[in-house]
Amino acid sequence: MYILTNKYHTVLYTGMTSDLLSRIIEHREKHYPSSFTARYNITKLVYFEVMASIEEAIGREKQVKKYSREKKIKLIEKINPDWKDLYDEIKHW
C-alpha cells in the first residue's frame, strides 16, 4: 500500500500493488497517460507499507482511502515528516 502526491502536496493518491518499484516507475513515467496520477502529475512517493499478503494490502488500501485528508497527512508525517520522495529508498530493491 502506498501514497503518492504531486510537487506541491495538493493531491494525495492511495494505491496498492504487489510490485512497488515497478508501479512507482509506471506512475513516474506516466505509463497510463489518461490516468488520474498522470493528469495531476502525482509521482512523489511519500508513504508505503509492506504487507504479508495481497488480501492484507487490499484491506489496508481500502481503509486508508476512507481516511480524511488530515488523517492521511498525519500517517505520512509519522514516518516522513519532511515529505521527501521515498523512491530513492526503494529503487534498489
PDB file of N, CA and C in Angstrom:
ATOM      1  N   MET A   1       0.861  -1.161   0.000  1.00  0.00           N
ATOM      2  CA  MET A   1       0.000   0.000   0.000  1.00  0.00           C
ATOM      3  C   MET A   1       0.906   1.223   0.000  1.00  0.00           C
ATOM      4  N   TYR A   2       0.540   2.222  -0.778  1.00  0.00           N
ATOM      5  CA  TYR A   2       1.396   3.400  -0.897  1.00  0.00           C
ATOM      6  C   TYR A   2       0.563   4.662  -1.082  1.00  0.00           C
ATOM      7  N   ILE A   3       1.212   5.799  -0.787  1.00  0.00           N
ATOM      8  CA  ILE A   3       0.591   7.104  -1.019  1.00  0.00           C
ATOM      9  C   ILE A   3       1.558   7.942  -1.838  1.00  0.00           C
ATOM     10  N   LEU A   4       1.028   8.534  -2.902  1.00  0.00           N
ATOM     11  CA  LEU A   4       1.780   9.444  -3.763  1.00  0.00           C
ATOM     12  C   LEU A   4       1.183  10.835  -3.642  1.00  0.00           C
ATOM     13  N   THR A   5       1.985  11.816  -4.011  1.00  0.00           N
ATOM     14  CA  THR A   5       1.490  13.187  -4.076  1.00  0.00           C
ATOM     15  C   THR A   5       2.165  13.892  -5.251  1.00  0.00           C
ATOM     16  N   ASN A   6       1.778  15.135  -5.459  1.00  0.00           N
ATOM     17  CA  ASN A   6       2.402  15.927  -6.509  1.00  0.00           C
ATOM     18  C   ASN A   6       3.458  16.849  -5.893  1.00  0.00           C
ATOM     19  N   LYS A   7       4.064  17.657  -6.707  1.00  0.00           N
ATOM     20  CA  LYS A   7       5.159  18.543  -6.279  1.00  0.00           C
ATOM     21  C   LYS A   7       4.761  19.445  -5.112  1.00  0.00           C
ATOM     22  N   TYR A   8       3.535  19.928  -5.132  1.00  0.00           N
ATOM     23  CA  TYR A   8       3.092  20.891  -4.119  1.00  0.00           C
ATOM     24  C   TYR A   8       2.264  20.252  -2.994  1.00  0.00           C
ATOM     25  N   HIS A   9       2.150  18.938  -3.009  1.00  0.00           N
ATOM     26  CA  HIS A   9       1.426  18.180  -1.990  1.00  0.00           C
ATOM     27  C   HIS A   9      -0.053  18.544  -1.922  1.00  0.00           C
ATOM     28  N   THR A  10      -0.614  18.959  -3.034  1.00  0.00           N
ATOM     29  CA  THR A  10      -2.017  19.359  -3.043  1.00  0.00           C
ATOM     30  C   THR A  10      -2.961  18.191  -3.317  1.00  0.00           C
ATOM     31  N   VAL A  11      -2.443  17.105  -3.872  1.00  0.00           N
ATOM     32  CA  VAL A  11      -3.266  15.949  -4.202  1.00  0.00           C
ATOM     33  C   VAL A  11      -2.607  14.705  -3.615  1.00  0.00           C
ATOM     34  N   LEU A  12      -3.416  13.842  -3.003  1.00  0.00           N
ATOM     35  CA  LEU A  12      -2.911  12.580  -2.476  1.00  0.00           C
ATOM     36  C   LEU A  12      -3.569  11.436  -3.233  1.00  0.00           C
ATOM     37  N   TYR A  13      -2.797  10.405  -3.523  1.00  0.00           N
ATOM     38  CA  TYR A  13      -3.293   9.223  -4.229  1.00  0.00           C
ATOM     39  C   TYR A  13      -2.878   7.997  -3.433  1.00  0.00           C
ATOM     40  N   THR A  14      -3.827   7.148  -3.114  1.00  0.00           N
ATOM     41  CA  THR A  14      -3.561   5.916  -2.378  1.00  0.00           C
ATOM     42  C   THR A  14      -3.737   4.737  -3.316  1.00  0.00           C
ATOM     43  N   GLY A  15      -2.770   3.841  -3.312  1.00  0.00           N
ATOM     44  CA  GLY A  15      -2.847   2.658  -4.165  1.00  0.00           C
ATOM     45  C   GLY A  15      -2.228   1.456  -3.492  1.00  0.00           C
ATOM     46  N   MET A  16      -2.333   0.313  -4.154  1.00  0.00           N
ATOM     47  CA  MET A  16      -1.673  -0.893  -3.675  1.00  0.00           C
ATOM     48  C   MET A  16      -1.157  -1.671  -4.873  1.00  0.00           C
ATOM     49  N   THR A  17      -0.126  -2.440  -4.639  1.00  0.00           N
ATOM     50  CA  THR A  17       0.484  -3.211  -5.707  1.00  0.00           C
ATOM     51  C   THR A  17       1.270  -4.362  -5.108  1.00  0.00           C
ATOM     52  N   SER A  18       1.550  -5.359  -5.910  1.00  0.00           N
ATOM     53  CA  SER A  18       2.402  -6.462  -5.463  1.00  0.00           C
ATOM     54  C   SER A  18       3.860  -6.196  -5.832  1.00  0.00           C
ATOM     55  N   ASP A  19       4.098  -5.128  -6.601  1.00  0.00           N
ATOM     56  CA  ASP A  19       5.461  -4.783  -7.027  1.00  0.00           C
ATOM     57  C   ASP A  19       5.611  -3.266  -6.960  1.00  0.00           C
ATOM     58  N   LEU A  20       5.968  -2.773  -5.787  1.00  0.00           N
ATOM     59  CA  LEU A  20       6.006  -1.329  -5.544  1.00  0.00           C
ATOM     60  C   LEU A  20       6.946  -0.602  -6.494  1.00  0.00           C
ATOM     61  N   LEU A  21       8.143  -1.101  -6.669  1.00  0.00           N
ATOM     62  CA  LEU A  21       9.109  -0.412  -7.528  1.00  0.00           C
ATOM     63  C   LEU A  21       8.576  -0.251  -8.949  1.00  0.00           C
ATOM     64  N   SER A  22       8.091  -1.332  -9.540  1.00  0.00           N
ATOM     65  CA  SER A  22       7.567  -1.257 -10.916  1.00  0.00           C
ATOM     66  C   SER A  22       6.382  -0.309 -11.013  1.00  0.00           C
ATOM     67  N   ARG A  23       5.518  -0.348 -10.020  1.00  0.00           N
ATOM     68  CA  ARG A  23       4.328   0.511 -10.054  1.00  0.00           C
ATOM     69  C   ARG A  23       4.700   1.986  -9.936  1.00  0.00           C
ATOM     70  N   ILE A  24       5.653   2.301  -9.071  1.00  0.00           N
ATOM     71  CA  ILE A  24       6.071   3.697  -8.922  1.00  0.00           C
ATOM     72  C   ILE A  24       6.731   4.184 -10.208  1.00  0.00           C
ATOM     73  N   ILE A  25       7.509   3.336 -10.848  1.00  0.00           N
ATOM     74  CA  ILE A  25       8.122   3.706 -12.136  1.00  0.00           C
ATOM     75  C   ILE A  25       7.027   3.995 -13.164  1.00  0.00           C
ATOM     76  N   GLU A  26       5.975   3.178 -13.190  1.00  0.00           N
ATOM     77  CA  GLU A  26       4.857   3.432 -14.111  1.00  0.00           C
ATOM     78  C   GLU A  26       4.236   4.799 -13.842  1.00  0.00           C
ATOM     79  N   HIS A  27       4.044   5.130 -12.577  1.00  0.00           N
ATOM     80  CA  HIS A  27       3.482   6.450 -12.240  1.00  0.00           C
ATOM     81  C   HIS A  27       4.432   7.558 -12.697  1.00  0.00           C
ATOM     82  N   ARG A  28       5.705   7.420 -12.396  1.00  0.00           N
ATOM     83  CA  ARG A  28       6.683   8.460 -12.715  1.00  0.00           C
ATOM     84  C   ARG A  28       6.826   8.663 -14.227  1.00  0.00           C
ATOM     85  N   GLU A  29       6.737   7.582 -14.983  1.00  0.00           N
ATOM     86  CA  GLU A  29       6.886   7.665 -16.443  1.00  0.00           C
ATOM     87  C   GLU A  29       5.557   7.881 -17.155  1.00  0.00           C
ATOM     88  N   LYS A  30       4.501   8.046 -16.385  1.00  0.00           N
ATOM     89  CA  LYS A  30       3.151   8.267 -16.933  1.00  0.00           C
ATOM     90  C   LYS A  30       2.796   7.188 -17.967  1.00  0.00           C
ATOM     91  N   HIS A  31       2.996   5.954 -17.542  1.00  0.00           N
ATOM     92  CA  HIS A  31       2.733   4.794 -18.394  1.00  0.00           C
ATOM     93  C   HIS A  31       1.283   4.769 -18.892  1.00  0.00           C
ATOM     94  N   TYR A  32       0.376   5.266 -18.070  1.00  0.00           N
ATOM     95  CA  TYR A  32      -1.032   5.369 -18.442  1.00  0.00           C
ATOM     96  C   TYR A  32      -1.375   6.860 -18.508  1.00  0.00           C
ATOM     97  N   PRO A  33      -1.191   7.492 -19.678  1.00  0.00           N
ATOM     98  CA  PRO A  33      -1.295   8.955 -19.808  1.00  0.00           C
ATOM     99  C   PRO A  33      -2.635   9.564 -19.407  1.00  0.00           C
ATOM    100  N   SER A  34      -3.707   8.809 -19.481  1.00  0.00           N
ATOM    101  CA  SER A  34      -5.011   9.380 -19.120  1.00  0.00           C
ATOM    102  C   SER A  34      -5.383   9.076 -17.666  1.00  0.00           C
ATOM    103  N   SER A  35      -4.499   8.454 -16.926  1.00  0.00           N
ATOM    104  CA  SER A  35      -4.791   8.113 -15.531  1.00  0.00           C
ATOM    105  C   SER A  35      -4.817   9.361 -14.651  1.00  0.00           C
ATOM    106  N   PHE A  36      -5.440   9.231 -13.506  1.00  0.00           N
ATOM    107  CA  PHE A  36      -5.527  10.328 -12.536  1.00  0.00           C
ATOM    108  C   PHE A  36      -4.134  10.822 -12.163  1.00  0.00           C
ATOM    109  N   THR A  37      -3.224   9.889 -11.870  1.00  0.00           N
ATOM    110  CA  THR A  37      -1.884  10.293 -11.438  1.00  0.00           C
ATOM    111  C   THR A  37      -1.117  10.996 -12.544  1.00  0.00           C
ATOM    112  N   ALA A  38      -1.297  10.579 -13.771  1.00  0.00           N
ATOM    113  CA  ALA A  38      -0.614  11.239 -14.892  1.00  0.00           C
ATOM    114  C   ALA A  38      -1.180  12.639 -15.120  1.00  0.00           C
ATOM    115  N   ARG A  39      -2.494  12.751 -15.090  1.00  0.00           N
ATOM    116  CA  ARG A  39      -3.134  14.053 -15.325  1.00  0.00           C
ATOM    117  C   ARG A  39      -2.759  15.095 -14.280  1.00  0.00           C
ATOM    118  N   TYR A  40      -2.561  14.659 -13.044  1.00  0.00           N
ATOM    119  CA  TYR A  40      -2.275  15.600 -11.964  1.00  0.00           C
ATOM    120  C   TYR A  40      -0.813  15.561 -11.503  1.00  0.00           C
ATOM    121  N   ASN A  41       0.056  14.936 -12.323  1.00  0.00           N
ATOM    122  CA  ASN A  41       1.498  14.903 -12.027  1.00  0.00           C
ATOM    123  C   ASN A  41       1.799  14.346 -10.641  1.00  0.00           C
ATOM    124  N   ILE A  42       1.148  13.262 -10.299  1.00  0.00           N
ATOM    125  CA  ILE A  42       1.313  12.642  -8.982  1.00  0.00           C
ATOM    126  C   ILE A  42       2.373  11.556  -9.107  1.00  0.00           C
ATOM    127  N   THR A  43       3.585  11.897  -8.742  1.00  0.00           N
ATOM    128  CA  THR A  43       4.708  10.978  -8.947  1.00  0.00           C
ATOM    129  C   THR A  43       5.605  10.810  -7.720  1.00  0.00           C
ATOM    130  N   LYS A  44       5.330  11.534  -6.673  1.00  0.00           N
ATOM    131  CA  LYS A  44       6.205  11.544  -5.496  1.00  0.00           C
ATOM    132  C   LYS A  44       5.708  10.546  -4.446  1.00  0.00           C
ATOM    133  N   LEU A  45       6.511   9.520  -4.175  1.00  0.00           N
ATOM    134  CA  LEU A  45       6.173   8.512  -3.177  1.00  0.00           C
ATOM    135  C   LEU A  45       6.494   9.063  -1.793  1.00  0.00           C
ATOM    136  N   VAL A  46       5.469   9.246  -0.971  1.00  0.00           N
ATOM    137  CA  VAL A  46       5.692   9.824   0.359  1.00  0.00           C
ATOM    138  C   VAL A  46       5.385   8.853   1.493  1.00  0.00           C
ATOM    139  N   TYR A  47       4.787   7.713   1.176  1.00  0.00           N
ATOM    140  CA  TYR A  47       4.445   6.744   2.216  1.00  0.00           C
ATOM    141  C   TYR A  47       4.244   5.381   1.586  1.00  0.00           C
ATOM    142  N   PHE A  48       4.678   4.344   2.290  1.00  0.00           N
ATOM    143  CA  PHE A  48       4.343   2.991   1.865  1.00  0.00           C
ATOM    144  C   PHE A  48       4.394   2.046   3.048  1.00  0.00           C
ATOM    145  N   GLU A  49       3.649   0.962   2.932  1.00  0.00           N
ATOM    146  CA  GLU A  49       3.647  -0.125   3.901  1.00  0.00           C
ATOM    147  C   GLU A  49       3.790  -1.426   3.123  1.00  0.00           C
ATOM    148  N   VAL A  50       4.540  -2.354   3.671  1.00  0.00           N
ATOM    149  CA  VAL A  50       4.693  -3.676   3.067  1.00  0.00           C
ATOM    150  C   VAL A  50       3.826  -4.646   3.855  1.00  0.00           C
ATOM    151  N   MET A  51       3.027  -5.407   3.135  1.00  0.00           N
ATOM    152  CA  MET A  51       2.100  -6.355   3.759  1.00  0.00           C
ATOM    153  C   MET A  51       2.533  -7.786   3.459  1.00  0.00           C
ATOM    154  N   ALA A  52       2.045  -8.705   4.265  1.00  0.00           N
ATOM    155  CA  ALA A  52       2.363 -10.119   4.099  1.00  0.00           C
ATOM    156  C   ALA A  52       1.579 -10.764   2.957  1.00  0.00           C
ATOM    157  N   SER A  53       0.423 -10.186   2.614  1.00  0.00           N
ATOM    158  CA  SER A  53      -0.413 -10.784   1.567  1.00  0.00           C
ATOM    159  C   SER A  53      -1.137  -9.706   0.772  1.00  0.00           C
ATOM    160  N   ILE A  54      -1.568 -10.091  -0.412  1.00  0.00           N
ATOM    161  CA  ILE A  54      -2.353  -9.182  -1.266  1.00  0.00           C
ATOM    162  C   ILE A  54      -3.658  -8.815  -0.566  1.00  0.00           C
ATOM    163  N   GLU A  55      -4.280  -9.788   0.077  1.00  0.00           N
ATOM    164  CA  GLU A  55      -5.550  -9.539   0.759  1.00  0.00           C
ATOM    165  C   GLU A  55      -5.379  -8.474   1.852  1.00  0.00           C
ATOM    166  N   GLU A  56      -4.286  -8.572   2.590  1.00  0.00           N
ATOM    167  CA  GLU A  56      -3.999  -7.592   3.633  1.00  0.00           C
ATOM    168  C   GLU A  56      -3.774  -6.205   3.018  1.00  0.00           C
ATOM    169  N   ALA A  57      -3.060  -6.150   1.899  1.00  0.00           N
ATOM    170  CA  ALA A  57      -2.783  -4.880   1.223  1.00  0.00           C
ATOM    171  C   ALA A  57      -4.069  -4.249   0.697  1.00  0.00           C
ATOM    172  N   ILE A  58      -4.939  -5.061   0.120  1.00  0.00           N
ATOM    173  CA  ILE A  58      -6.219  -4.551  -0.390  1.00  0.00           C
ATOM    174  C   ILE A  58      -7.046  -3.986   0.763  1.00  0.00           C
ATOM    175  N   GLY A  59      -7.091  -4.694   1.866  1.00  0.00           N
ATOM    176  CA  GLY A  59      -7.833  -4.224   3.035  1.00  0.00           C
ATOM    177  C   GLY A  59      -7.273  -2.919   3.571  1.00  0.00           C
ATOM    178  N   ARG A  60      -5.951  -2.828   3.644  1.00  0.00           N
ATOM    179  CA  ARG A  60      -5.320  -1.605   4.156  1.00  0.00           C
ATOM    180  C   ARG A  60      -5.553  -0.434   3.213  1.00  0.00           C
ATOM    181  N   GLU A  61      -5.453  -0.691   1.898  1.00  0.00           N
ATOM    182  CA  GLU A  61      -5.713   0.373   0.925  1.00  0.00           C
ATOM    183  C   GLU A  61      -7.133   0.901   1.088  1.00  0.00           C
ATOM    184  N   LYS A  62      -8.098   0.017   1.197  1.00  0.00           N
ATOM    185  CA  LYS A  62      -9.491   0.434   1.367  1.00  0.00           C
ATOM    186  C   LYS A  62      -9.662   1.252   2.638  1.00  0.00           C
ATOM    187  N   GLN A  63      -8.980   0.838   3.698  1.00  0.00           N
ATOM    188  CA  GLN A  63      -9.054   1.554   4.966  1.00  0.00           C
ATOM    189  C   GLN A  63      -8.492   2.969   4.825  1.00  0.00           C
ATOM    190  N   VAL A  64      -7.300   3.090   4.234  1.00  0.00           N
ATOM    191  CA  VAL A  64      -6.639   4.393   4.112  1.00  0.00           C
ATOM    192  C   VAL A  64      -7.387   5.303   3.139  1.00  0.00           C
ATOM    193  N   LYS A  65      -7.961   4.736   2.080  1.00  0.00           N
ATOM    194  CA  LYS A  65      -8.722   5.551   1.129  1.00  0.00           C
ATOM    195  C   LYS A  65      -9.906   6.242   1.801  1.00  0.00           C
ATOM    196  N   LYS A  66     -10.431   5.652   2.861  1.00  0.00           N
ATOM    197  CA  LYS A  66     -11.562   6.250   3.581  1.00  0.00           C
ATOM    198  C   LYS A  66     -11.119   7.347   4.548  1.00  0.00           C
ATOM    199  N   TYR A  67      -9.823   7.428   4.818  1.00  0.00           N
ATOM    200  CA  TYR A  67      -9.313   8.445   5.746  1.00  0.00           C
ATOM    201  C   TYR A  67      -9.554   9.846   5.186  1.00  0.00           C
ATOM    202  N   SER A  68      -9.730  10.785   6.072  1.00  0.00           N
ATOM    203  CA  SER A  68      -9.782  12.185   5.676  1.00  0.00           C
ATOM    204  C   SER A  68      -8.380  12.602   5.221  1.00  0.00           C
ATOM    205  N   ARG A  69      -8.318  13.694   4.519  1.00  0.00           N
ATOM    206  CA  ARG A  69      -7.008  14.228   4.099  1.00  0.00           C
ATOM    207  C   ARG A  69      -6.117  14.455   5.320  1.00  0.00           C
ATOM    208  N   GLU A  70      -6.697  15.011   6.368  1.00  0.00           N
ATOM    209  CA  GLU A  70      -5.937  15.299   7.590  1.00  0.00           C
ATOM    210  C   GLU A  70      -5.340  14.021   8.187  1.00  0.00           C
ATOM    211  N   LYS A  71      -6.115  12.960   8.205  1.00  0.00           N
ATOM    212  CA  LYS A  71      -5.634  11.696   8.770  1.00  0.00           C
ATOM    213  C   LYS A  71      -4.536  11.083   7.884  1.00  0.00           C
ATOM    214  N   LYS A  72      -4.670  11.218   6.565  1.00  0.00           N
ATOM    215  CA  LYS A  72      -3.620  10.742   5.657  1.00  0.00           C
ATOM    216  C   LYS A  72      -2.331  11.533   5.868  1.00  0.00           C
ATOM    217  N   ILE A  73      -2.452  12.828   6.055  1.00  0.00           N
ATOM    218  CA  ILE A  73      -1.277  13.674   6.297  1.00  0.00           C
ATOM    219  C   ILE A  73      -0.574  13.249   7.585  1.00  0.00           C
ATOM    220  N   LYS A  74      -1.346  12.974   8.633  1.00  0.00           N
ATOM    221  CA  LYS A  74      -0.749  12.511   9.892  1.00  0.00           C
ATOM    222  C   LYS A  74      -0.032  11.181   9.699  1.00  0.00           C
ATOM    223  N   LEU A  75      -0.615  10.287   8.908  1.00  0.00           N
ATOM    224  CA  LEU A  75       0.003   8.993   8.618  1.00  0.00           C
ATOM    225  C   LEU A  75       1.338   9.198   7.902  1.00  0.00           C
ATOM    226  N   ILE A  76       1.347  10.051   6.897  1.00  0.00           N
ATOM    227  CA  ILE A  76       2.564  10.350   6.142  1.00  0.00           C
ATOM    228  C   ILE A  76       3.622  10.958   7.056  1.00  0.00           C
ATOM    229  N   GLU A  77       3.223  11.979   7.800  1.00  0.00           N
ATOM    230  CA  GLU A  77       4.191  12.720   8.607  1.00  0.00           C
ATOM    231  C   GLU A  77       4.740  11.919   9.789  1.00  0.00           C
ATOM    232  N   LYS A  78       4.049  10.850  10.156  1.00  0.00           N
ATOM    233  CA  LYS A  78       4.544   9.979  11.224  1.00  0.00           C
ATOM    234  C   LYS A  78       5.863   9.321  10.814  1.00  0.00           C
ATOM    235  N   ILE A  79       5.985   8.952   9.531  1.00  0.00           N
ATOM    236  CA  ILE A  79       7.229   8.317   9.079  1.00  0.00           C
ATOM    237  C   ILE A  79       8.050   9.199   8.141  1.00  0.00           C
ATOM    238  N   ASN A  80       7.426  10.234   7.605  1.00  0.00           N
ATOM    239  CA  ASN A  80       8.092  11.077   6.612  1.00  0.00           C
ATOM    240  C   ASN A  80       7.731  12.551   6.846  1.00  0.00           C
ATOM    241  N   PRO A  81       8.191  13.122   7.960  1.00  0.00           N
ATOM    242  CA  PRO A  81       7.784  14.488   8.314  1.00  0.00           C
ATOM    243  C   PRO A  81       8.198  15.558   7.302  1.00  0.00           C
ATOM    244  N   ASP A  82       9.235  15.294   6.525  1.00  0.00           N
ATOM    245  CA  ASP A  82       9.701  16.267   5.535  1.00  0.00           C
ATOM    246  C   ASP A  82       9.111  16.032   4.146  1.00  0.00           C
ATOM    247  N   TRP A  83       8.251  15.052   4.023  1.00  0.00           N
ATOM    248  CA  TRP A  83       7.614  14.722   2.750  1.00  0.00           C
ATOM    249  C   TRP A  83       8.647  14.474   1.648  1.00  0.00           C
ATOM    250  N   LYS A  84       9.755  13.829   1.987  1.00  0.00           N
ATOM    251  CA  LYS A  84      10.754  13.546   0.955  1.00  0.00           C
ATOM    252  C   LYS A  84      10.258  12.402   0.071  1.00  0.00           C
ATOM    253  N   ASP A  85      10.756  12.379  -1.149  1.00  0.00           N
ATOM    254  CA  ASP A  85      10.391  11.337  -2.095  1.00  0.00           C
ATOM    255  C   ASP A  85      11.104  10.056  -1.682  1.00  0.00           C
ATOM    256  N   LEU A  86      10.345   9.026  -1.361  1.00  0.00           N
ATOM    257  CA  LEU A  86      10.911   7.765  -0.886  1.00  0.00           C
ATOM    258  C   LEU A  86      11.327   6.839  -2.026  1.00  0.00           C
ATOM    259  N   TYR A  87      11.180   7.300  -3.251  1.00  0.00           N
ATOM    260  CA  TYR A  87      11.572   6.493  -4.406  1.00  0.00           C
ATOM    261  C   TYR A  87      13.025   6.034  -4.303  1.00  0.00           C
ATOM    262  N   ASP A  88      13.903   6.918  -3.863  1.00  0.00           N
ATOM    263  CA  ASP A  88      15.317   6.549  -3.739  1.00  0.00           C
ATOM    264  C   ASP A  88      15.536   5.393  -2.774  1.00  0.00           C
ATOM    265  N   GLU A  89      14.663   5.280  -1.788  1.00  0.00           N
ATOM    266  CA  GLU A  89      14.784   4.192  -0.814  1.00  0.00           C
ATOM    267  C   GLU A  89      14.367   2.844  -1.382  1.00  0.00           C
ATOM    268  N   ILE A  90      13.510   2.838  -2.387  1.00  0.00           N
ATOM    269  CA  ILE A  90      13.027   1.565  -2.930  1.00  0.00           C
ATOM    270  C   ILE A  90      13.642   1.201  -4.269  1.00  0.00           C
ATOM    271  N   LYS A  91      14.297   2.133  -4.942  1.00  0.00           N
ATOM    272  CA  LYS A  91      14.744   1.862  -6.315  1.00  0.00           C
ATOM    273  C   LYS A  91      15.840   0.811  -6.409  1.00  0.00           C
ATOM    274  N   HIS A  92      16.447   0.453  -5.299  1.00  0.00           N
ATOM    275  CA  HIS A  92      17.495  -0.574  -5.315  1.00  0.00           C
ATOM    276  C   HIS A  92      17.005  -1.921  -4.785  1.00  0.00           C
ATOM    277  N   TRP A  93      15.686  -2.058  -4.627  1.00  0.00           N
ATOM    278  CA  TRP A  93      15.139  -3.321  -4.107  1.00  0.00           C
ATOM    279  C   TRP A  93      15.349  -4.436  -5.080  1.00  0.00           C
TER     280      TRP A  93
END
